[in-house]
Amino acid sequence: MSVDVAQVRPARPKDADALAAAYEEAWRGAYQGIIPHLDLERMIARRGAVWWERVLRRRASLLVLDFGGQVAGYVTFGRCRIGRGPYRGEIFELYLCPTYQGLGLGTKLFDGARQKLREWRLHGLLVWALADNEAACDFYIRLGGRPIAEGAESFSGTTLRKIAFVWR
């Protein structure tokens, strides 16, 4: 009998504190040294437990990676924000706490969101990643993502390149 200690499940209201902690840990791991320090600290401070409680009350499209009862990461997704085109679905955020990276768990989150998007008939997928976040870009390329466009995000006068990855 196989027991999988990692499962992807819909987020629940009681996950707010754990989501705030996972967000902080994942964002520090992903963006320290990329996003200017004060901007990163402000972004983290804005997304505490109260912010996540509001998101969960709105029933956002949010899955968590539950690893032995701990929230180890999350993914948010929905209709693609760039309008019409071949890419109807979008993953807005996919973050995993650094401790859980490199074990195939990010792929579980990605697959969970992709399955939900298919159920909603939102075929074709788009994901944006900061170009300087090499781990994220490599992750999406390993999953078969194809870079098709570039954009920019600005933080306190610093402009960072972002890349759109797509799957048919």
Protein backbone atom coordinates (compact mmCIF):
# COMPACT_ATOMS: atom_id res chain seq x y z
CA MET A 1 0.00 0.00 0.00
CA SER A 2 1.37 3.40 -1.01
CA VAL A 3 0.79 6.41 1.19
CA ASP A 4 1.40 9.81 -0.38
CA VAL A 5 2.19 12.38 2.32
CA ALA A 6 1.97 15.22 -0.20
CA GLN A 7 -1.41 16.09 -1.64
CA VAL A 8 -2.76 19.00 -3.62
CA ARG A 9 -6.08 20.16 -2.25
CA PRO A 10 -8.31 23.25 -2.30
CA ALA A 11 -7.31 25.86 0.26
CA ARG A 12 -9.56 26.13 3.31
CA PRO A 13 -10.30 29.13 5.55
CA LYS A 14 -8.18 27.64 8.33
CA ASP A 15 -5.14 27.73 5.96
CA ALA A 16 -4.79 31.54 6.16
CA ASP A 17 -1.95 31.58 8.73
CA ALA A 18 -0.11 28.77 6.97
CA LEU A 19 -0.50 30.49 3.59
CA ALA A 20 0.93 33.73 5.01
CA ALA A 21 3.93 31.82 6.36
CA ALA A 22 4.42 29.86 3.11
CA TYR A 23 4.14 33.06 1.06
CA GLU A 24 6.79 34.80 3.17
CA GLU A 25 9.21 31.89 3.09
CA ALA A 26 8.74 31.21 -0.63
CA TRP A 27 9.00 34.87 -1.66
CA ARG A 28 12.13 35.46 0.42
CA GLY A 29 13.66 32.36 -1.16
CA ALA A 30 12.65 33.33 -4.69
CA TYR A 31 13.21 37.08 -4.72
CA GLN A 32 15.83 38.07 -2.16
CA GLY A 33 18.54 39.79 -4.17
CA ILE A 34 16.23 40.21 -7.18
CA ILE A 35 13.41 42.50 -6.01
CA PRO A 36 14.77 45.54 -4.11
CA HIS A 37 14.77 44.80 -0.37
CA LEU A 38 12.23 47.41 0.79
CA ASP A 39 9.79 46.51 -1.98
CA LEU A 40 10.06 42.83 -1.12
CA GLU A 41 9.49 43.56 2.58
CA ARG A 42 6.41 45.68 1.77
CA MET A 43 4.99 42.97 -0.47
CA ILE A 44 5.47 40.34 2.24
CA ALA A 45 4.00 42.59 4.95
CA ARG A 46 0.84 43.19 2.87
CA ARG A 47 0.09 39.49 2.59
CA GLY A 48 -0.38 38.45 6.18
CA ALA A 49 -3.06 36.11 7.50
CA VAL A 50 -5.82 38.77 7.26
CA TRP A 51 -5.10 39.24 3.54
CA TRP A 52 -5.25 35.47 2.96
CA GLU A 53 -8.49 35.21 4.96
CA ARG A 54 -10.10 37.73 2.58
CA VAL A 55 -8.84 35.80 -0.44
CA LEU A 56 -10.22 32.54 0.95
CA ARG A 57 -13.60 34.11 1.75
CA ARG A 58 -13.85 35.20 -1.90
CA ARG A 59 -13.31 31.56 -2.83
CA ALA A 60 -10.35 32.31 -5.04
CA SER A 61 -8.99 29.58 -7.28
CA LEU A 62 -6.31 28.46 -4.87
CA LEU A 63 -4.80 25.05 -4.26
CA VAL A 64 -2.29 24.21 -1.54
CA LEU A 65 0.34 21.55 -1.34
CA ASP A 66 -0.35 19.78 1.94
CA PHE A 67 2.76 17.91 3.04
CA GLY A 68 2.02 15.82 6.10
CA GLY A 69 -0.48 18.37 7.38
CA GLN A 70 1.73 21.41 6.65
CA VAL A 71 1.08 23.91 3.84
CA ALA A 72 4.29 23.68 1.83
CA GLY A 73 3.19 25.81 -1.12
CA TYR A 74 0.29 27.12 -3.15
CA VAL A 75 -0.89 27.91 -6.65
CA THR A 76 -3.44 30.47 -7.86
CA PHE A 77 -4.95 30.27 -11.32
CA GLY A 78 -7.86 31.27 -13.53
CA ARG A 79 -8.87 32.80 -16.83
CA CYS A 80 -5.91 34.29 -18.72
CA ARG A 81 -5.63 38.04 -18.08
CA ILE A 82 -4.38 38.94 -21.55
CA GLY A 83 -7.76 38.41 -23.17
CA ARG A 84 -8.51 36.45 -26.28
CA GLY A 85 -6.02 34.09 -27.80
CA PRO A 86 -4.95 30.48 -27.78
CA TYR A 87 -4.05 30.60 -24.06
CA ARG A 88 -7.27 30.61 -22.07
CA GLY A 89 -5.89 29.64 -18.65
CA GLU A 90 -3.21 31.26 -16.54
CA ILE A 91 -1.28 30.34 -13.43
CA PHE A 92 -0.93 33.60 -11.53
CA GLU A 93 1.33 32.36 -8.72
CA LEU A 94 3.01 29.07 -7.95
CA TYR A 95 5.25 29.05 -4.89
CA LEU A 96 6.81 26.33 -2.82
CA CYS A 97 8.73 26.79 0.43
CA PRO A 98 12.46 26.27 -0.29
CA THR A 99 12.63 23.20 1.99
CA TYR A 100 10.26 21.36 -0.34
CA GLN A 101 11.83 22.36 -3.65
CA GLY A 102 13.59 19.85 -5.88
CA LEU A 103 11.38 16.93 -4.87
CA GLY A 104 8.81 17.08 -7.67
CA LEU A 105 6.24 18.80 -5.45
CA GLY A 106 6.10 21.96 -7.56
CA THR A 107 5.11 19.73 -10.46
CA LYS A 108 2.24 18.37 -8.34
CA LEU A 109 0.97 21.92 -7.77
CA PHE A 110 1.36 22.78 -11.46
CA ASP A 111 -0.49 19.62 -12.51
CA GLY A 112 -3.27 20.30 -9.99
CA ALA A 113 -3.88 23.79 -11.37
CA ARG A 114 -3.65 22.54 -14.94
CA GLN A 115 -6.27 19.87 -14.22
CA LYS A 116 -8.67 22.44 -12.73
CA LEU A 117 -8.19 24.72 -15.75
CA ARG A 118 -8.98 21.80 -18.06
CA GLU A 119 -12.13 21.03 -16.04
CA TRP A 120 -13.17 24.66 -16.59
CA ARG A 121 -12.41 24.25 -20.33
CA LEU A 122 -9.66 26.86 -20.19
CA HIS A 123 -7.26 25.19 -22.60
CA GLY A 124 -3.83 26.55 -23.34
CA LEU A 125 -1.84 27.91 -20.41
CA LEU A 126 0.26 31.00 -19.77
CA VAL A 127 2.59 31.71 -16.82
CA TRP A 128 4.78 34.78 -16.20
CA ALA A 129 8.13 34.57 -14.34
CA LEU A 130 10.79 37.16 -13.60
CA ALA A 131 13.74 36.44 -15.87
CA ASP A 132 16.19 36.81 -12.96
CA ASN A 133 14.36 34.05 -11.10
CA GLU A 134 16.34 31.36 -12.87
CA ALA A 135 14.92 28.56 -10.75
CA ALA A 136 11.36 29.42 -11.82
CA CYS A 137 12.29 29.83 -15.48
CA ASP A 138 14.16 26.50 -15.46
CA PHE A 139 11.18 24.84 -13.73
CA TYR A 140 8.74 26.00 -16.41
CA ILE A 141 11.08 25.00 -19.22
CA ARG A 142 11.50 21.51 -17.67
CA LEU A 143 7.70 21.22 -17.63
CA GLY A 144 7.60 21.93 -21.37
CA GLY A 145 6.83 25.65 -21.23
CA ARG A 146 7.84 27.66 -24.25
CA PRO A 147 8.91 31.30 -23.76
CA ILE A 148 6.89 33.47 -26.16
CA ALA A 149 6.91 37.04 -24.84
CA GLU A 150 8.66 39.44 -22.53
CA GLY A 151 7.39 42.21 -20.30
CA ALA A 152 8.63 44.26 -17.38
CA GLU A 153 7.85 44.88 -13.70
CA SER A 154 9.08 47.99 -11.92
CA PHE A 155 10.09 48.25 -8.29
CA SER A 156 11.34 51.57 -6.85
CA GLY A 157 12.94 52.62 -10.10
CA THR A 158 14.33 49.16 -10.85
CA THR A 159 12.83 47.50 -13.92
CA LEU A 160 12.96 43.72 -14.07
CA ARG A 161 12.30 41.61 -17.16
CA LYS A 162 9.60 38.98 -17.05
CA ILE A 163 9.00 36.11 -19.45
CA ALA A 164 5.71 34.52 -20.52
CA PHE A 165 5.80 30.72 -20.81
CA VAL A 166 3.02 28.86 -22.62
CA TRP A 167 1.65 25.35 -23.04
CA ARG A 168 -0.90 24.39 -25.70
